[in-house]
C-alpha atoms as a PDB file:
ATOM      1  CA  MET A   1      -0.008  -0.058   0.111  1.00  0.00           C
ATOM      2  CA  SER A   2       1.358   3.476  -0.888  1.00  0.00           C
ATOM      3  CA  LEU A   3      -0.010   6.813  -0.558  1.00  0.00           C
ATOM      4  CA  ARG A   4       0.549  10.275  -1.703  1.00  0.00           C
ATOM      5  CA  ILE A   5      -0.691  13.673  -0.202  1.00  0.00           C
ATOM      6  CA  ARG A   6      -0.677  16.238  -3.012  1.00  0.00           C
ATOM      7  CA  THR A   7      -2.411  19.779  -3.289  1.00  0.00           C
ATOM      8  CA  GLU A   8      -4.083  20.652  -6.736  1.00  0.00           C
ATOM      9  CA  GLY A   9      -5.191  24.510  -6.264  1.00  0.00           C
ATOM     10  CA  PRO A  10      -7.622  24.853  -3.479  1.00  0.00           C
ATOM     11  CA  ALA A  11      -7.755  20.773  -2.876  1.00  0.00           C
ATOM     12  CA  LEU A  12      -5.532  18.495  -0.836  1.00  0.00           C
ATOM     13  CA  ILE A  13      -5.900  14.830  -3.199  1.00  0.00           C
ATOM     14  CA  ILE A  14      -4.732  11.871  -1.256  1.00  0.00           C
ATOM     15  CA  ASP A  15      -3.877   9.241  -3.793  1.00  0.00           C
ATOM     16  CA  PHE A  16      -4.087   5.877  -2.865  1.00  0.00           C
ATOM     17  CA  ALA A  17      -2.420   3.236  -4.728  1.00  0.00           C
ATOM     18  CA  GLY A  18      -2.659  -0.872  -3.458  1.00  0.00           C
ATOM     19  CA  ALA A  19      -4.663  -2.243  -0.654  1.00  0.00           C
ATOM     20  CA  VAL A  20      -6.070   0.234   1.620  1.00  0.00           C
ATOM     21  CA  ASP A  21      -5.860  -0.826   5.230  1.00  0.00           C
ATOM     22  CA  GLN A  22      -5.155   0.124   8.463  1.00  0.00           C
ATOM     23  CA  HIS A  23      -1.629   0.806   7.285  1.00  0.00           C
ATOM     24  CA  ALA A  24      -2.867   3.660   5.572  1.00  0.00           C
ATOM     25  CA  GLU A  25      -3.786   5.705   8.872  1.00  0.00           C
ATOM     26  CA  GLU A  26      -1.178   4.184  10.908  1.00  0.00           C
ATOM     27  CA  ARG A  27       1.649   5.521   8.274  1.00  0.00           C
ATOM     28  CA  TYR A  28       0.197   8.758   6.727  1.00  0.00           C
ATOM     29  CA  LEU A  29      -3.180   9.886   8.181  1.00  0.00           C
ATOM     30  CA  ARG A  30      -2.468  10.211  11.714  1.00  0.00           C
ATOM     31  CA  HIS A  31       0.120  12.539  11.105  1.00  0.00           C
ATOM     32  CA  ARG A  32      -2.508  15.359  10.641  1.00  0.00           C
ATOM     33  CA  ASP A  33      -5.467  15.895  12.887  1.00  0.00           C
ATOM     34  CA  TRP A  34      -8.061  15.798  10.245  1.00  0.00           C
ATOM     35  CA  ARG A  35     -10.541  17.766  12.502  1.00  0.00           C
ATOM     36  CA  GLN A  36      -8.646  20.563  12.437  1.00  0.00           C
ATOM     37  CA  GLY A  37      -9.264  20.946   8.488  1.00  0.00           C
ATOM     38  CA  LEU A  38      -6.711  20.878   5.914  1.00  0.00           C
ATOM     39  CA  GLY A  39      -4.445  23.846   6.662  1.00  0.00           C
ATOM     40  CA  ASP A  40      -3.781  26.674   4.282  1.00  0.00           C
ATOM     41  CA  GLY A  41      -7.548  27.684   3.931  1.00  0.00           C
ATOM     42  CA  ARG A  42      -8.330  24.790   1.852  1.00  0.00           C
ATOM     43  CA  ARG A  43     -11.809  23.555   1.704  1.00  0.00           C
ATOM     44  CA  THR A  44     -11.657  20.484  -0.734  1.00  0.00           C
ATOM     45  CA  LEU A  45     -10.362  16.917   0.059  1.00  0.00           C
ATOM     46  CA  ILE A  46     -10.006  14.423  -2.561  1.00  0.00           C
ATOM     47  CA  LEU A  47      -9.515  10.921  -2.861  1.00  0.00           C
ATOM     48  CA  ASN A  48      -8.238   9.283  -5.536  1.00  0.00           C
ATOM     49  CA  PHE A  49      -8.635   5.667  -5.963  1.00  0.00           C
ATOM     50  CA  SER A  50      -7.691   4.946  -9.483  1.00  0.00           C
ATOM     51  CA  GLU A  51      -5.042   3.328  -8.453  1.00  0.00           C
ATOM     52  CA  MET A  52      -6.354   1.116  -5.590  1.00  0.00           C
ATOM     53  CA  SER A  53      -6.771  -2.871  -5.698  1.00  0.00           C
ATOM     54  CA  PHE A  54      -8.776  -3.637  -2.628  1.00  0.00           C
ATOM     55  CA  ILE A  55     -10.082  -1.744   0.625  1.00  0.00           C
ATOM     56  CA  HIS A  56     -10.211  -3.908   4.008  1.00  0.00           C
ATOM     57  CA  SER A  57     -12.536  -3.203   6.631  1.00  0.00           C
ATOM     58  CA  THR A  58     -10.216  -1.505   8.382  1.00  0.00           C
ATOM     59  CA  GLY A  59      -9.423   0.809   5.693  1.00  0.00           C
ATOM     60  CA  ILE A  60     -13.307   1.109   5.046  1.00  0.00           C
ATOM     61  CA  THR A  61     -13.480   2.377   8.773  1.00  0.00           C
ATOM     62  CA  MET A  62     -10.768   4.880   8.138  1.00  0.00           C
ATOM     63  CA  LEU A  63     -12.313   6.218   5.402  1.00  0.00           C
ATOM     64  CA  VAL A  64     -15.651   6.563   7.082  1.00  0.00           C
ATOM     65  CA  ARG A  65     -13.741   8.727   9.926  1.00  0.00           C
ATOM     66  CA  LEU A  66     -12.191  10.851   7.097  1.00  0.00           C
ATOM     67  CA  ALA A  67     -15.201  11.989   5.761  1.00  0.00           C
ATOM     68  CA  GLN A  68     -16.965  12.639   8.963  1.00  0.00           C
ATOM     69  CA  TYR A  69     -14.076  14.640  10.092  1.00  0.00           C
ATOM     70  CA  GLY A  70     -14.580  17.284   7.009  1.00  0.00           C
ATOM     71  CA  GLU A  71     -17.824  18.161   9.564  1.00  0.00           C
ATOM     72  CA  GLU A  72     -15.490  19.214  12.148  1.00  0.00           C
ATOM     73  CA  GLY A  73     -12.577  20.527   9.992  1.00  0.00           C
ATOM     74  CA  GLN A  74     -14.787  22.582   7.358  1.00  0.00           C
ATOM     75  CA  TYR A  75     -13.991  20.516   4.376  1.00  0.00           C
ATOM     76  CA  GLN A  76     -15.909  18.742   1.637  1.00  0.00           C
ATOM     77  CA  THR A  77     -14.580  15.301   0.769  1.00  0.00           C
ATOM     78  CA  PHE A  78     -15.128  13.965  -2.885  1.00  0.00           C
ATOM     79  CA  ALA A  79     -13.763  10.596  -4.431  1.00  0.00           C
ATOM     80  CA  TYR A  80     -12.688   9.437  -7.822  1.00  0.00           C
ATOM     81  CA  GLY A  81     -11.551   6.482  -9.334  1.00  0.00           C
ATOM     82  CA  LEU A  82     -13.746   4.091  -7.786  1.00  0.00           C
ATOM     83  CA  SER A  83     -15.212   0.428  -9.351  1.00  0.00           C
ATOM     84  CA  GLU A  84     -18.971  -0.032  -9.553  1.00  0.00           C
ATOM     85  CA  GLN A  85     -18.666  -2.758  -6.952  1.00  0.00           C
ATOM     86  CA  TYR A  86     -17.131  -0.363  -4.425  1.00  0.00           C
ATOM     87  CA  HIS A  87     -18.950   2.851  -5.486  1.00  0.00           C
ATOM     88  CA  LYS A  88     -21.821   0.579  -4.146  1.00  0.00           C
ATOM     89  CA  LEU A  89     -20.719  -0.475  -1.252  1.00  0.00           C
ATOM     90  CA  PHE A  90     -19.462   3.281  -0.455  1.00  0.00           C
ATOM     91  CA  ARG A  91     -23.412   3.744  -1.101  1.00  0.00           C
ATOM     92  CA  LEU A  92     -24.579   1.210   0.891  1.00  0.00           C
ATOM     93  CA  ILE A  93     -22.541   1.919   4.477  1.00  0.00           C
ATOM     94  CA  GLY A  94     -23.389   5.603   3.984  1.00  0.00           C
ATOM     95  CA  LEU A  95     -20.115   7.102   2.912  1.00  0.00           C
ATOM     96  CA  THR A  96     -21.789   8.686   0.180  1.00  0.00           C
ATOM     97  CA  GLN A  97     -23.772  10.908   2.749  1.00  0.00           C
ATOM     98  CA  HIS A  98     -20.402  12.441   3.714  1.00  0.00           C
ATOM     99  CA  MET A  99     -18.503  12.486   0.018  1.00  0.00           C
ATOM    100  CA  MET A 100     -19.448  13.204  -3.407  1.00  0.00           C
ATOM    101  CA  ILE A 101     -17.927  10.667  -5.779  1.00  0.00           C
ATOM    102  CA  TYR A 102     -16.849  10.939  -9.763  1.00  0.00           C
ATOM    103  CA  PRO A 103     -15.545   8.977 -12.446  1.00  0.00           C
ATOM    104  CA  ASP A 104     -12.461  10.641 -12.727  1.00  0.00           C
ATOM    105  CA  GLU A 105     -10.183  13.263 -11.859  1.00  0.00           C
ATOM    106  CA  TYR A 106     -11.010  15.529 -14.956  1.00  0.00           C
ATOM    107  CA  THR A 107     -14.680  15.471 -14.158  1.00  0.00           C
ATOM    108  CA  LEU A 108     -14.300  16.316 -10.465  1.00  0.00           C
ATOM    109  CA  MET A 109     -11.855  19.242 -11.273  1.00  0.00           C
ATOM    110  CA  ARG A 110     -14.505  20.478 -14.004  1.00  0.00           C
ATOM    111  CA  ARG A 111     -17.612  20.355 -11.266  1.00  0.00           C
ATOM    112  CA  LEU A 112     -15.038  22.376  -8.398  1.00  0.00           C
ATOM    113  CA  LYS A 113     -14.037  24.929 -11.340  1.00  0.00           C
ATOM    114  CA  SER A 114     -17.988  25.445 -12.029  1.00  0.00           C
ATOM    115  CA  LEU A 115     -18.795  25.729  -8.197  1.00  0.00           C
ATOM    116  CA  GLU A 116     -16.108  28.395  -7.484  1.00  0.00           C
ATOM    117  CA  ASP A 117     -17.633  30.281 -10.242  1.00  0.00           C
ATOM    118  CA  ILE A 118     -21.188  30.177  -9.451  1.00  0.00           C
ATOM    119  CA  SER A 119     -19.708  31.551  -5.535  1.00  0.00           C
END
């Protein structure tokens, strides 16, 4: 499992590769208090699953917490690159109540740009 955190304009993007499991949280995500926000005035967290192979149950728990922290940290969570199977699973367990899911980064970034233009 590997994970890369990068920025793109006003967004913080987490690129997941391989299996998403408890090691993702232990190695990478515990280094920041996500409930305090994303830093630098960012209000958008994007989760990129296009290189992900599998999500363990512990990985699902971590993703639920991460998405829920957005309410406290005042940021919105988006995701892209999920297979149809994981998209259905996210709907079934209620993750889509905390994040919007898009098919790819291009579509998601266009949507975010259109929201910026409105406000």
